[in-house]
Structure formats: structure tokens, C-alpha cells
Amino acid sequence: MTPPRQNASAGGGCISRRGTGRSAMADPVYDPVAGLFNLAMALVLVVIVLVISRRFELRLEREITVASVRAIVQLLIVVLVIAAVFTTDNLLLVLIVLIGMAVVAAHTSATRVKSGTGGMAVTLPAIGVGSGTGMGILILLGVVPLEPEFIIPVGSMTIGGSMIECSLSLDRFAGEMRAHAAEVETALCLGATPGEAAAPYARESVRASLIPSIDRLRTLGIVVLPGTMAGMIIAGIDPFWAAEYQLVIMFLLLSAGLLTSIIAVHAAERAASRENTI
């Protein structure tokens, strides 16, 4: 899945290195002063959200403020880390970065979902295996080049998507088990195993978690241009290559999300069975 690069020779991959659609466009030069000014102007939107939250008594002001500040600080730190990794071109550092992302994603998912779903003992393996399997297959097939500038961005998108799927599936599973506690208990009394009693609600949880991904795939390019494709087009990449790149990302997110949801719900069911909450 090698995106086009300016002044690069032809090569293999899902998207070959054949230059950009606007080869005459000069390489952009980052202006930190202009960048900070634009960021400050964009923060006006956050202020508007805070005003609306206070006006309608949503009580989200603190959470939004903290999240915004964290986003700025975290992105600045990540940029510094990624720049250092790109400079060294060390795949071990790339792996450490991705593991760190997976740990943070697992912690975020574990704190977001309801109690009784196993915590990070469930979310970390689910996110790690789900995202790692999809990435590993594409790397082995040669779709994703084994280079830091490709592995880190694609890996981060995959881990982030798996985190969302994990949170959605576990939250839905916990809700389904509470709502159908009587049916589960009846099935257990009739001789069903915990896995058999929870199976219908586990399947429904996985299905529900995939709805956003399927809807995004179904409306891809019609409702909105996805971020990856939009960014590449803005950077001057040929739209056809950008679309090809985006489709690979979407298929990767779908497969990784499905695997993550299945692993998470199955592990949560086993954790609930061990704790006698099912």
C-alpha cells in the first residue's frame, strides 16, 4: 500500500510510487507561526461547544476541556516520537510505539465500558490480536511496506478502530447480559453451559459493534470523503491512488474490528463465568 511520492521511482505495492497527480506542485514548507495561529483559530470551535454545553446544562465542559488539552499535548509528543523513529528507521522502535498505542487503547476501552467485562485482561489481547493480525497479513502480502512511515500511521488507525469496536462490543454485551439476566439463568438451570447461555447476546453484541464500520463502508465517498483519502488529495496525490489507499484502510479496519469484537466478547463471557456473574 505504498502511496505515491514525489520524485520516487516506480515500485510495487497496492499503490505504486509513481509521483503525484500534481507533480509541479512545490513541496509545502511548514510555518510554525502560521500553524499556531490556525490552531488558535480552530479552538474557537471548541469554545463554541463549551458555551453550548453550559447553555444547555450538558455538564461536559470539564471533560471537553481536558480532552482538548490532552489531544494537543499528546499529538505534539507523538510528532516528536514519530520524527525520532523515522530518523532512526528502527523497526524495534516501531514495534514499541505500536505496543504503547495498544496499551493506551486497551486502558481507554477498559475504563469506558461497564464493570464486569474483564478490564484490560480482556481489552488488551482483543485489541492486540485483532489489529496485529490484520496488519500482519497485509505486511506479509506486501500491501503495507515494512517501513516506519507506513507501519506507524496504518497501525495507529487500526488500533484506534479496534479500540472503538472493543468498547462498543463490551458495552453492548454488558447491557445485553443485564437485560436478559432471567433468560440466561433459565438457560443455565436447563443445563446450558455459560457459553451457550450467553451466545445469543454475544452475537448481538458483535453485530452491534460492527454497525458503524459497515455504515462507513456502505457510504464511503458518497456521504463524506474519509480522512485518509481527503488528506492525500489535499497533499496533491492522484484521487484514484488516494481512493485505492482508503479502500485498503477500510477493509483492514473492518477485519480487525470484527476479530477484536469476537475476541473481546468471548473473553468477557469467560471472565464473567469465572466470577460467577453469568
Protein backbone atom coordinates (compact mmCIF):
# COMPACT_ATOMS: atom_id res chain seq x y z
CA MET A 1 0.00 0.00 0.00
CA THR A 2 2.79 2.34 -0.93
CA PRO A 3 1.36 5.81 -1.61
CA PRO A 4 2.74 7.93 -4.40
CA ARG A 5 5.77 10.01 -3.58
CA GLN A 6 7.22 12.89 -5.48
CA ASN A 7 10.41 12.15 -7.39
CA ALA A 8 10.22 8.47 -6.43
CA SER A 9 10.94 5.60 -8.74
CA ALA A 10 8.32 3.04 -9.68
CA GLY A 11 7.79 0.22 -7.27
CA GLY A 12 5.43 -2.49 -6.12
CA GLY A 13 2.67 -2.39 -3.59
CA CYS A 14 -1.01 -1.65 -3.66
CA ILE A 15 -0.28 1.89 -4.72
CA SER A 16 2.92 2.36 -6.67
CA ARG A 17 5.40 5.16 -6.21
CA ARG A 18 4.71 6.94 -9.46
CA GLY A 19 4.66 10.55 -8.34
CA THR A 20 1.70 12.72 -7.55
CA GLY A 21 -1.15 13.91 -9.69
CA ARG A 22 0.24 17.42 -9.37
CA SER A 23 3.95 16.84 -9.85
CA ALA A 24 4.59 20.50 -10.46
CA MET A 25 3.26 21.43 -7.01
CA ALA A 26 6.10 22.56 -4.77
CA ASP A 27 6.74 20.73 -1.53
CA PRO A 28 4.97 22.62 1.27
CA VAL A 29 7.13 24.28 3.88
CA TYR A 30 5.78 24.28 7.42
CA ASP A 31 5.43 27.70 9.01
CA PRO A 32 5.15 27.21 12.80
CA VAL A 33 3.82 30.73 13.40
CA ALA A 34 1.05 30.33 10.83
CA GLY A 35 0.35 26.84 12.16
CA LEU A 36 -0.09 28.01 15.73
CA PHE A 37 -2.31 30.85 14.54
CA ASN A 38 -4.53 28.43 12.61
CA LEU A 39 -4.71 26.14 15.63
CA ALA A 40 -5.76 29.05 17.82
CA MET A 41 -8.47 29.98 15.33
CA ALA A 42 -9.71 26.38 15.24
CA LEU A 43 -10.02 26.42 19.02
CA VAL A 44 -12.87 28.88 18.53
CA LEU A 45 -14.97 25.84 17.62
CA VAL A 46 -14.13 24.24 20.97
CA VAL A 47 -15.15 27.42 22.76
CA ILE A 48 -18.49 27.34 20.92
CA VAL A 49 -19.02 23.75 22.04
CA LEU A 50 -18.24 24.72 25.65
CA VAL A 51 -20.71 27.59 25.51
CA ILE A 52 -23.43 25.33 24.12
CA SER A 53 -22.69 22.69 26.74
CA ARG A 54 -23.01 25.24 29.52
CA ARG A 55 -26.12 26.83 27.99
CA PHE A 56 -27.98 23.52 27.82
CA GLU A 57 -26.51 22.24 31.11
CA LEU A 58 -24.88 19.22 29.48
CA ARG A 59 -22.07 19.37 32.07
CA LEU A 60 -19.44 18.38 29.54
CA GLU A 61 -17.28 21.49 29.90
CA ARG A 62 -14.58 19.89 32.04
CA GLU A 63 -14.42 16.69 30.00
CA ILE A 64 -14.22 18.58 26.70
CA THR A 65 -11.56 20.96 28.01
CA VAL A 66 -9.41 18.17 29.41
CA ALA A 67 -9.82 16.12 26.23
CA SER A 68 -8.86 19.08 24.03
CA VAL A 69 -5.76 19.91 26.06
CA ARG A 70 -4.74 16.26 26.12
CA ALA A 71 -5.21 15.99 22.37
CA ILE A 72 -2.88 18.94 21.75
CA VAL A 73 -0.20 17.74 24.16
CA GLN A 74 -0.40 14.12 23.05
CA LEU A 75 -0.14 14.98 19.36
CA LEU A 76 2.90 17.15 19.98
CA ILE A 77 4.58 14.32 21.90
CA VAL A 78 3.64 11.79 19.23
CA VAL A 79 5.05 14.01 16.49
CA LEU A 80 8.38 14.19 18.33
CA VAL A 81 8.44 10.43 18.89
CA ILE A 82 7.49 9.61 15.30
CA ALA A 83 10.07 12.04 13.94
CA ALA A 84 12.74 10.30 16.03
CA VAL A 85 11.60 6.85 14.86
CA PHE A 86 11.57 7.92 11.23
CA THR A 87 15.10 9.26 11.63
CA THR A 88 16.48 6.03 13.09
CA ASP A 89 14.42 3.75 10.81
CA ASN A 90 14.49 1.11 13.57
CA LEU A 91 11.69 -1.48 13.35
CA LEU A 92 12.11 -2.37 17.03
CA LEU A 93 11.22 1.21 17.96
CA VAL A 94 8.24 0.97 15.62
CA LEU A 95 7.06 -2.12 17.46
CA ILE A 96 7.49 -0.39 20.83
CA VAL A 97 5.46 2.58 19.61
CA LEU A 98 2.64 0.34 18.39
CA ILE A 99 2.63 -1.67 21.63
CA GLY A 100 2.39 1.58 23.58
CA MET A 101 -0.56 2.65 21.44
CA ALA A 102 -2.25 -0.71 22.01
CA VAL A 103 -1.79 -0.48 25.79
CA VAL A 104 -3.27 3.03 25.91
CA ALA A 105 -6.15 1.92 23.67
CA ALA A 106 -6.83 -1.10 25.88
CA HIS A 107 -6.81 1.07 29.01
CA THR A 108 -9.17 3.58 27.39
CA SER A 109 -11.57 0.83 26.34
CA ALA A 110 -11.43 -0.85 29.74
CA THR A 111 -12.28 2.37 31.58
CA ARG A 112 -15.06 3.28 29.16
CA VAL A 113 -17.08 0.05 29.32
CA LYS A 114 -19.19 -1.13 32.24
CA SER A 115 -17.69 -3.17 35.06
CA GLY A 116 -17.76 -6.95 34.93
CA THR A 117 -16.30 -7.27 31.44
CA GLY A 118 -12.78 -8.24 32.46
CA GLY A 119 -10.89 -4.94 32.19
CA MET A 120 -7.54 -4.79 30.42
CA ALA A 121 -7.16 -8.55 30.72
CA VAL A 122 -9.84 -8.64 28.01
CA THR A 123 -9.29 -5.43 26.06
CA LEU A 124 -5.51 -5.69 25.58
CA PRO A 125 -5.45 -9.17 24.00
CA ALA A 126 -8.52 -8.35 21.90
CA ILE A 127 -7.10 -5.11 20.52
CA GLY A 128 -3.59 -6.52 20.17
CA VAL A 129 -4.61 -9.68 18.33
CA GLY A 130 -7.34 -8.01 16.29
CA SER A 131 -5.22 -5.15 14.97
CA GLY A 132 -2.00 -7.14 14.84
CA THR A 133 -3.49 -9.92 12.74
CA GLY A 134 -4.87 -7.58 10.10
CA MET A 135 -1.63 -5.61 9.92
CA GLY A 136 0.46 -8.76 9.83
CA ILE A 137 -1.48 -10.20 6.90
CA LEU A 138 -1.12 -7.03 4.82
CA ILE A 139 2.60 -6.83 5.63
CA LEU A 140 3.13 -10.47 4.62
CA LEU A 141 1.19 -9.90 1.40
CA GLY A 142 3.34 -6.87 0.64
CA VAL A 143 0.41 -4.46 0.70
CA VAL A 144 1.87 -2.47 3.60
CA PRO A 145 5.62 -1.85 3.21
CA LEU A 146 7.77 -2.79 6.17
CA GLU A 147 8.82 0.81 6.73
CA PRO A 148 8.13 3.05 9.76
CA GLU A 149 6.41 5.80 7.75
CA PHE A 150 3.77 3.29 6.66
CA ILE A 151 3.52 0.91 9.61
CA ILE A 152 3.01 3.56 12.30
CA PRO A 153 0.19 5.55 10.62
CA VAL A 154 -1.65 2.46 9.37
CA GLY A 155 -1.07 0.66 12.66
CA SER A 156 -2.36 3.58 14.69
CA MET A 157 -5.54 3.78 12.60
CA THR A 158 -6.06 0.04 13.00
CA ILE A 159 -5.50 0.12 16.76
CA GLY A 160 -7.82 3.10 17.11
CA GLY A 161 -10.56 1.39 15.12
CA SER A 162 -10.14 -1.81 17.14
CA MET A 163 -10.40 0.21 20.37
CA ILE A 164 -13.77 1.61 19.30
CA GLU A 165 -15.06 -1.82 18.26
CA CYS A 166 -13.86 -3.30 21.56
CA SER A 167 -15.61 -0.63 23.62
CA LEU A 168 -18.86 -0.92 21.64
CA SER A 169 -19.00 -4.70 21.79
CA LEU A 170 -18.18 -4.97 25.50
CA ASP A 171 -20.59 -2.20 26.45
CA ARG A 172 -23.37 -3.84 24.44
CA PHE A 173 -22.53 -7.27 25.89
CA ALA A 174 -22.72 -5.99 29.46
CA GLY A 175 -26.05 -4.34 28.70
CA GLU A 176 -27.44 -7.46 27.00
CA MET A 177 -26.45 -9.65 29.94
CA ARG A 178 -28.13 -7.33 32.42
CA ALA A 179 -31.27 -7.01 30.33
CA HIS A 180 -31.57 -10.77 29.80
CA ALA A 181 -30.36 -11.99 33.18
CA ALA A 182 -33.54 -14.04 33.69
CA GLU A 183 -33.23 -15.77 30.31
CA VAL A 184 -29.58 -16.57 30.96
CA GLU A 185 -30.35 -18.01 34.38
CA THR A 186 -33.17 -20.10 32.94
CA ALA A 187 -30.87 -21.50 30.27
CA LEU A 188 -28.28 -22.38 32.89
CA CYS A 189 -30.90 -24.14 35.00
CA LEU A 190 -31.91 -26.18 31.96
CA GLY A 191 -28.35 -27.46 31.58
CA ALA A 192 -26.79 -24.96 29.17
CA THR A 193 -23.16 -24.03 29.62
CA PRO A 194 -22.32 -20.36 30.34
CA GLY A 195 -21.11 -20.02 26.77
CA GLU A 196 -24.32 -21.47 25.34
CA ALA A 197 -26.49 -19.29 27.58
CA ALA A 198 -24.64 -16.12 26.59
CA ALA A 199 -24.17 -17.00 22.90
CA PRO A 200 -27.22 -15.11 21.50
CA TYR A 201 -26.26 -11.94 23.36
CA ALA A 202 -22.60 -12.28 22.41
CA ARG A 203 -23.54 -12.49 18.73
CA GLU A 204 -25.82 -9.47 19.05
CA SER A 205 -23.02 -7.51 20.74
CA VAL A 206 -20.57 -8.26 17.93
CA ARG A 207 -23.17 -7.37 15.30
CA ALA A 208 -24.00 -4.08 17.01
CA SER A 209 -20.34 -3.08 17.30
CA LEU A 210 -19.83 -3.51 13.56
CA ILE A 211 -22.75 -1.31 12.52
CA PRO A 212 -20.66 1.92 12.38
CA SER A 213 -17.93 0.24 10.33
CA ILE A 214 -20.39 -1.29 7.89
CA ASP A 215 -22.25 2.01 7.55
CA ARG A 216 -18.98 3.85 6.86
CA LEU A 217 -18.06 1.29 4.24
CA ARG A 218 -21.52 1.42 2.67
CA THR A 219 -21.48 5.21 2.32
CA LEU A 220 -17.77 5.56 1.55
CA GLY A 221 -17.20 8.51 -0.77
CA ILE A 222 -20.90 9.35 -1.03
CA VAL A 223 -21.65 10.90 2.35
CA VAL A 224 -18.12 12.06 3.15
CA LEU A 225 -14.55 11.67 1.94
CA PRO A 226 -12.69 9.71 4.65
CA GLY A 227 -9.79 11.35 6.40
CA THR A 228 -7.02 9.36 4.74
CA MET A 229 -8.32 9.97 1.24
CA ALA A 230 -9.08 13.63 1.91
CA GLY A 231 -5.62 14.21 3.34
CA MET A 232 -3.92 12.59 0.37
CA ILE A 233 -5.97 14.61 -2.10
CA ILE A 234 -5.13 17.83 -0.24
CA ALA A 235 -1.46 16.80 -0.40
CA GLY A 236 -1.70 16.56 -4.18
CA ILE A 237 -2.00 12.78 -4.59
CA ASP A 238 -3.97 11.49 -7.57
CA PRO A 239 -7.58 10.81 -6.41
CA PHE A 240 -7.54 7.28 -7.86
CA TRP A 241 -4.49 6.34 -5.81
CA ALA A 242 -5.97 8.02 -2.75
CA ALA A 243 -9.18 6.00 -3.20
CA GLU A 244 -7.19 2.78 -3.52
CA TYR A 245 -5.28 3.58 -0.36
CA GLN A 246 -8.50 4.42 1.50
CA LEU A 247 -10.20 1.17 0.47
CA VAL A 248 -7.30 -0.87 1.81
CA ILE A 249 -7.55 1.01 5.12
CA MET A 250 -11.32 0.45 5.32
CA PHE A 251 -11.02 -3.28 4.64
CA LEU A 252 -8.28 -3.51 7.25
CA LEU A 253 -10.38 -1.68 9.85
CA LEU A 254 -13.39 -3.88 9.15
CA SER A 255 -11.50 -7.15 9.53
CA ALA A 256 -9.53 -6.00 12.57
CA GLY A 257 -12.70 -4.68 14.21
CA LEU A 258 -14.58 -7.93 13.68
CA LEU A 259 -11.78 -10.03 15.12
CA THR A 260 -11.36 -7.64 18.06
CA SER A 261 -15.08 -7.73 18.88
CA ILE A 262 -15.26 -11.53 18.75
CA ILE A 263 -12.21 -11.94 20.98
CA ALA A 264 -13.36 -9.26 23.43
CA VAL A 265 -16.90 -10.61 23.84
CA HIS A 266 -15.72 -14.21 24.13
CA ALA A 267 -13.09 -13.25 26.74
CA ALA A 268 -15.65 -11.15 28.66
CA GLU A 269 -18.05 -14.08 28.70
CA ARG A 270 -15.34 -16.37 30.10
CA ALA A 271 -14.34 -13.76 32.69
CA ALA A 272 -17.96 -13.39 33.79
CA SER A 273 -18.27 -17.18 34.00
CA ARG A 274 -15.19 -17.45 36.25
CA GLU A 275 -16.51 -14.68 38.50
CA ASN A 276 -19.94 -16.37 38.65
CA THR A 277 -21.66 -13.31 37.24
CA ILE A 278 -23.20 -15.36 34.46
